[in-house]
Amino acid sequence: MAERGLSLRALGRAARYDPSYLSKVLSGRKPASPFLAARLDDVLSAEGKIRQAAASAQPGGSARRTPASDPDDINRRELLYLFSVAGALMAAPAADWERLD
């Protein structure tokens, strides 16, 4: 984060995670999921270092393959996130559309 000049809040916005949750992960109070590690690795352009560190910190190390570490699964989750946001916007009353912009 320091090398990229990002605050915790800016990192949370870029990775689409709550900064308080990221704080718990960074302090070691919560484990980093493979999905979060992949998001942070992409946002920080860490060239796989964050993914690798998260995998080695989990029981079983990098030999353990979880569905969330699969790039296709990450893309699927992002697509589902976009669908949920689009659905919520479509369900909003027309009077709220200007406020949502």
N, C-alpha and C. Protein backbone atom coordinates (compact mmCIF):
# COMPACT_ATOMS: atom_id res chain seq x y z
N MET A 1 0.82 -1.18 0.00
CA MET A 1 0.00 0.00 0.00
C MET A 1 0.87 1.25 0.00
N ALA A 2 1.90 1.24 0.81
CA ALA A 2 2.77 2.40 0.90
C ALA A 2 3.48 2.66 -0.43
N GLU A 3 3.95 1.59 -1.08
CA GLU A 3 4.63 1.75 -2.37
C GLU A 3 3.71 2.35 -3.43
N ARG A 4 2.43 2.04 -3.34
CA ARG A 4 1.45 2.54 -4.32
C ARG A 4 0.81 3.84 -3.87
N GLY A 5 1.13 4.28 -2.65
CA GLY A 5 0.57 5.53 -2.14
C GLY A 5 -0.91 5.44 -1.82
N LEU A 6 -1.37 4.26 -1.41
CA LEU A 6 -2.78 4.06 -1.12
C LEU A 6 -3.03 4.00 0.38
N SER A 7 -4.07 4.68 0.79
CA SER A 7 -4.51 4.56 2.18
C SER A 7 -5.37 3.31 2.29
N LEU A 8 -5.71 2.93 3.50
CA LEU A 8 -6.58 1.78 3.71
C LEU A 8 -7.95 2.02 3.08
N ARG A 9 -8.44 3.22 3.21
CA ARG A 9 -9.74 3.57 2.62
C ARG A 9 -9.69 3.50 1.09
N ALA A 10 -8.61 4.00 0.49
CA ALA A 10 -8.47 3.96 -0.97
C ALA A 10 -8.33 2.52 -1.46
N LEU A 11 -7.61 1.70 -0.71
CA LEU A 11 -7.47 0.30 -1.07
C LEU A 11 -8.82 -0.40 -0.99
N GLY A 12 -9.58 -0.09 0.05
CA GLY A 12 -10.92 -0.68 0.18
C GLY A 12 -11.82 -0.31 -0.98
N ARG A 13 -11.76 0.95 -1.41
CA ARG A 13 -12.57 1.37 -2.56
C ARG A 13 -12.13 0.64 -3.83
N ALA A 14 -10.82 0.57 -4.04
CA ALA A 14 -10.30 -0.06 -5.26
C ALA A 14 -10.60 -1.56 -5.30
N ALA A 15 -10.53 -2.23 -4.15
CA ALA A 15 -10.76 -3.67 -4.09
C ALA A 15 -12.22 -4.01 -3.83
N ARG A 16 -13.02 -3.00 -3.55
CA ARG A 16 -14.44 -3.17 -3.21
C ARG A 16 -14.63 -3.99 -1.94
N TYR A 17 -13.82 -3.65 -0.93
CA TYR A 17 -13.94 -4.26 0.39
C TYR A 17 -14.04 -3.16 1.43
N ASP A 18 -14.68 -3.48 2.54
CA ASP A 18 -14.81 -2.54 3.64
C ASP A 18 -13.43 -2.32 4.28
N PRO A 19 -13.03 -1.06 4.47
CA PRO A 19 -11.71 -0.79 5.06
C PRO A 19 -11.53 -1.40 6.45
N SER A 20 -12.61 -1.48 7.24
CA SER A 20 -12.47 -2.06 8.58
C SER A 20 -12.18 -3.56 8.49
N TYR A 21 -12.76 -4.23 7.50
CA TYR A 21 -12.46 -5.65 7.29
C TYR A 21 -11.01 -5.82 6.83
N LEU A 22 -10.58 -4.96 5.90
CA LEU A 22 -9.19 -5.03 5.44
C LEU A 22 -8.22 -4.79 6.59
N SER A 23 -8.58 -3.89 7.48
CA SER A 23 -7.73 -3.62 8.64
C SER A 23 -7.56 -4.87 9.49
N LYS A 24 -8.65 -5.62 9.68
CA LYS A 24 -8.58 -6.86 10.46
C LYS A 24 -7.72 -7.91 9.76
N VAL A 25 -7.82 -7.96 8.44
CA VAL A 25 -6.99 -8.91 7.69
C VAL A 25 -5.52 -8.51 7.79
N LEU A 26 -5.23 -7.24 7.60
CA LEU A 26 -3.84 -6.78 7.63
C LEU A 26 -3.20 -6.92 9.01
N SER A 27 -4.02 -6.82 10.06
CA SER A 27 -3.48 -6.96 11.41
C SER A 27 -3.42 -8.41 11.86
N GLY A 28 -3.94 -9.33 11.04
CA GLY A 28 -3.89 -10.74 11.38
C GLY A 28 -5.07 -11.25 12.19
N ARG A 29 -6.04 -10.40 12.46
CA ARG A 29 -7.21 -10.83 13.24
C ARG A 29 -8.18 -11.66 12.40
N LYS A 30 -8.12 -11.53 11.08
CA LYS A 30 -8.95 -12.31 10.17
C LYS A 30 -8.04 -12.88 9.08
N PRO A 31 -8.33 -14.09 8.61
CA PRO A 31 -7.52 -14.64 7.51
C PRO A 31 -7.96 -14.04 6.18
N ALA A 32 -7.05 -13.94 5.26
CA ALA A 32 -7.36 -13.46 3.91
C ALA A 32 -7.87 -14.63 3.09
N SER A 33 -9.04 -14.48 2.53
CA SER A 33 -9.57 -15.53 1.65
C SER A 33 -8.78 -15.50 0.34
N PRO A 34 -8.79 -16.59 -0.39
CA PRO A 34 -8.11 -16.59 -1.70
C PRO A 34 -8.69 -15.52 -2.63
N PHE A 35 -9.99 -15.28 -2.55
CA PHE A 35 -10.62 -14.26 -3.38
C PHE A 35 -10.10 -12.87 -3.01
N LEU A 36 -10.04 -12.56 -1.71
CA LEU A 36 -9.52 -11.26 -1.27
C LEU A 36 -8.05 -11.12 -1.66
N ALA A 37 -7.27 -12.17 -1.47
CA ALA A 37 -5.85 -12.10 -1.83
C ALA A 37 -5.69 -11.82 -3.32
N ALA A 38 -6.52 -12.44 -4.15
CA ALA A 38 -6.45 -12.20 -5.60
C ALA A 38 -6.84 -10.76 -5.92
N ARG A 39 -7.88 -10.24 -5.27
CA ARG A 39 -8.31 -8.85 -5.52
C ARG A 39 -7.19 -7.88 -5.12
N LEU A 40 -6.61 -8.07 -3.94
CA LEU A 40 -5.56 -7.16 -3.48
C LEU A 40 -4.32 -7.28 -4.36
N ASP A 41 -4.01 -8.50 -4.79
CA ASP A 41 -2.87 -8.70 -5.66
C ASP A 41 -3.07 -7.95 -6.98
N ASP A 42 -4.28 -8.00 -7.52
CA ASP A 42 -4.56 -7.28 -8.76
C ASP A 42 -4.54 -5.77 -8.56
N VAL A 43 -5.18 -5.30 -7.50
CA VAL A 43 -5.26 -3.85 -7.25
C VAL A 43 -3.88 -3.26 -6.99
N LEU A 44 -3.05 -3.99 -6.26
CA LEU A 44 -1.73 -3.48 -5.90
C LEU A 44 -0.65 -3.87 -6.91
N SER A 45 -1.03 -4.59 -7.97
CA SER A 45 -0.06 -5.06 -8.98
C SER A 45 1.13 -5.74 -8.32
N ALA A 46 0.82 -6.71 -7.45
CA ALA A 46 1.86 -7.37 -6.67
C ALA A 46 2.45 -8.60 -7.34
N GLU A 47 2.06 -8.88 -8.57
CA GLU A 47 2.63 -9.96 -9.37
C GLU A 47 2.55 -11.33 -8.68
N GLY A 48 1.45 -11.60 -7.99
CA GLY A 48 1.22 -12.90 -7.37
C GLY A 48 1.76 -13.05 -5.96
N LYS A 49 2.46 -12.05 -5.45
CA LYS A 49 3.06 -12.16 -4.12
C LYS A 49 2.02 -12.26 -3.01
N ILE A 50 0.93 -11.51 -3.14
CA ILE A 50 -0.12 -11.55 -2.12
C ILE A 50 -0.86 -12.88 -2.17
N ARG A 51 -1.16 -13.35 -3.38
CA ARG A 51 -1.81 -14.66 -3.52
C ARG A 51 -0.96 -15.75 -2.88
N GLN A 52 0.33 -15.70 -3.16
CA GLN A 52 1.25 -16.72 -2.64
C GLN A 52 1.34 -16.65 -1.12
N ALA A 53 1.42 -15.45 -0.57
CA ALA A 53 1.50 -15.30 0.89
C ALA A 53 0.23 -15.80 1.56
N ALA A 54 -0.92 -15.50 0.97
CA ALA A 54 -2.19 -15.95 1.55
C ALA A 54 -2.31 -17.47 1.48
N ALA A 55 -1.85 -18.05 0.38
CA ALA A 55 -1.93 -19.51 0.22
C ALA A 55 -1.01 -20.22 1.22
N SER A 56 0.18 -19.67 1.45
CA SER A 56 1.11 -20.33 2.37
C SER A 56 0.70 -20.12 3.82
N ALA A 57 -0.12 -19.12 4.10
CA ALA A 57 -0.58 -18.87 5.46
C ALA A 57 -1.74 -19.78 5.84
N GLN A 58 -2.42 -20.37 4.85
CA GLN A 58 -3.54 -21.26 5.10
C GLN A 58 -3.06 -22.67 5.36
N PRO A 59 -3.84 -23.45 6.13
CA PRO A 59 -3.47 -24.86 6.31
C PRO A 59 -3.40 -25.56 4.96
N GLY A 60 -2.36 -26.30 4.73
CA GLY A 60 -2.20 -26.99 3.45
C GLY A 60 -1.34 -26.23 2.47
N GLY A 61 -1.08 -24.94 2.73
CA GLY A 61 -0.21 -24.14 1.88
C GLY A 61 -0.72 -24.00 0.47
N SER A 62 0.20 -23.79 -0.46
CA SER A 62 -0.19 -23.54 -1.84
C SER A 62 -0.67 -24.80 -2.55
N ALA A 63 -0.45 -25.98 -1.96
CA ALA A 63 -0.93 -27.20 -2.59
C ALA A 63 -2.45 -27.29 -2.52
N ARG A 64 -3.03 -26.60 -1.59
CA ARG A 64 -4.48 -26.60 -1.46
C ARG A 64 -5.08 -25.68 -2.50
N ARG A 65 -5.96 -26.20 -3.33
CA ARG A 65 -6.59 -25.39 -4.36
C ARG A 65 -8.06 -25.23 -4.00
N THR A 66 -8.49 -24.01 -3.84
CA THR A 66 -9.88 -23.74 -3.53
C THR A 66 -10.54 -23.13 -4.76
N PRO A 67 -11.85 -23.30 -4.90
CA PRO A 67 -12.52 -22.71 -6.06
C PRO A 67 -12.36 -21.20 -6.14
N ALA A 68 -12.24 -20.53 -4.99
CA ALA A 68 -12.14 -19.07 -5.00
C ALA A 68 -10.81 -18.59 -5.58
N SER A 69 -9.80 -19.47 -5.64
CA SER A 69 -8.51 -19.04 -6.19
C SER A 69 -8.47 -19.19 -7.71
N ASP A 70 -9.51 -19.77 -8.29
CA ASP A 70 -9.59 -19.95 -9.73
C ASP A 70 -9.98 -18.62 -10.38
N PRO A 71 -9.23 -18.14 -11.37
CA PRO A 71 -9.57 -16.86 -12.02
C PRO A 71 -10.98 -16.83 -12.59
N ASP A 72 -11.46 -17.98 -13.10
CA ASP A 72 -12.83 -18.01 -13.62
C ASP A 72 -13.84 -17.78 -12.51
N ASP A 73 -13.56 -18.32 -11.32
CA ASP A 73 -14.47 -18.12 -10.20
C ASP A 73 -14.47 -16.66 -9.76
N ILE A 74 -13.31 -16.03 -9.81
CA ILE A 74 -13.22 -14.61 -9.45
C ILE A 74 -14.03 -13.78 -10.44
N ASN A 75 -13.90 -14.08 -11.73
CA ASN A 75 -14.69 -13.37 -12.74
C ASN A 75 -16.17 -13.61 -12.53
N ARG A 76 -16.55 -14.84 -12.19
CA ARG A 76 -17.96 -15.15 -11.94
C ARG A 76 -18.49 -14.36 -10.76
N ARG A 77 -17.70 -14.26 -9.71
CA ARG A 77 -18.13 -13.49 -8.53
C ARG A 77 -18.30 -12.01 -8.87
N GLU A 78 -17.39 -11.47 -9.65
CA GLU A 78 -17.51 -10.07 -10.04
C GLU A 78 -18.74 -9.85 -10.91
N LEU A 79 -19.04 -10.81 -11.81
CA LEU A 79 -20.23 -10.71 -12.63
C LEU A 79 -21.49 -10.77 -11.77
N LEU A 80 -21.51 -11.67 -10.80
CA LEU A 80 -22.66 -11.76 -9.90
C LEU A 80 -22.82 -10.47 -9.10
N TYR A 81 -21.71 -9.88 -8.70
CA TYR A 81 -21.77 -8.60 -7.99
C TYR A 81 -22.40 -7.52 -8.88
N LEU A 82 -21.97 -7.46 -10.13
CA LEU A 82 -22.53 -6.48 -11.06
C LEU A 82 -24.02 -6.72 -11.29
N PHE A 83 -24.42 -7.99 -11.42
CA PHE A 83 -25.84 -8.30 -11.57
C PHE A 83 -26.64 -7.85 -10.36
N SER A 84 -26.09 -8.06 -9.16
CA SER A 84 -26.83 -7.66 -7.96
C SER A 84 -26.97 -6.15 -7.88
N VAL A 85 -25.94 -5.42 -8.26
CA VAL A 85 -26.01 -3.96 -8.26
C VAL A 85 -27.01 -3.48 -9.31
N ALA A 86 -26.94 -4.07 -10.51
CA ALA A 86 -27.87 -3.69 -11.58
C ALA A 86 -29.30 -4.01 -11.20
N GLY A 87 -29.52 -5.15 -10.57
CA GLY A 87 -30.86 -5.53 -10.13
C GLY A 87 -31.40 -4.57 -9.10
N ALA A 88 -30.55 -4.17 -8.17
CA ALA A 88 -30.99 -3.22 -7.14
C ALA A 88 -31.33 -1.87 -7.77
N LEU A 89 -30.55 -1.45 -8.74
CA LEU A 89 -30.83 -0.18 -9.40
C LEU A 89 -32.12 -0.25 -10.21
N MET A 90 -32.37 -1.38 -10.86
CA MET A 90 -33.59 -1.53 -11.64
C MET A 90 -34.83 -1.56 -10.75
N ALA A 91 -34.67 -2.08 -9.53
CA ALA A 91 -35.79 -2.18 -8.62
C ALA A 91 -36.07 -0.86 -7.91
N ALA A 92 -35.15 0.08 -7.98
CA ALA A 92 -35.33 1.37 -7.31
C ALA A 92 -36.44 2.17 -8.00
N PRO A 93 -37.26 2.84 -7.23
CA PRO A 93 -38.30 3.68 -7.83
C PRO A 93 -37.68 4.76 -8.72
N ALA A 94 -38.41 5.15 -9.77
CA ALA A 94 -37.90 6.13 -10.73
C ALA A 94 -37.54 7.45 -10.05
N ALA A 95 -38.24 7.79 -8.97
CA ALA A 95 -37.97 9.04 -8.26
C ALA A 95 -36.58 9.05 -7.64
N ASP A 96 -36.04 7.87 -7.36
CA ASP A 96 -34.72 7.78 -6.73
C ASP A 96 -33.58 7.72 -7.73
N TRP A 97 -33.86 7.60 -9.02
CA TRP A 97 -32.81 7.43 -10.02
C TRP A 97 -31.86 8.61 -10.06
N GLU A 98 -32.37 9.81 -9.94
CA GLU A 98 -31.50 10.99 -9.97
C GLU A 98 -30.59 10.99 -8.76
N ARG A 99 -31.11 10.61 -7.62
CA ARG A 99 -30.31 10.57 -6.40
C ARG A 99 -29.24 9.49 -6.50
N LEU A 100 -29.53 8.39 -7.18
CA LEU A 100 -28.56 7.29 -7.32
C LEU A 100 -27.42 7.62 -8.26
N ASP A 101 -27.62 8.58 -9.18
CA ASP A 101 -26.55 8.96 -10.09
C ASP A 101 -25.39 9.49 -9.29
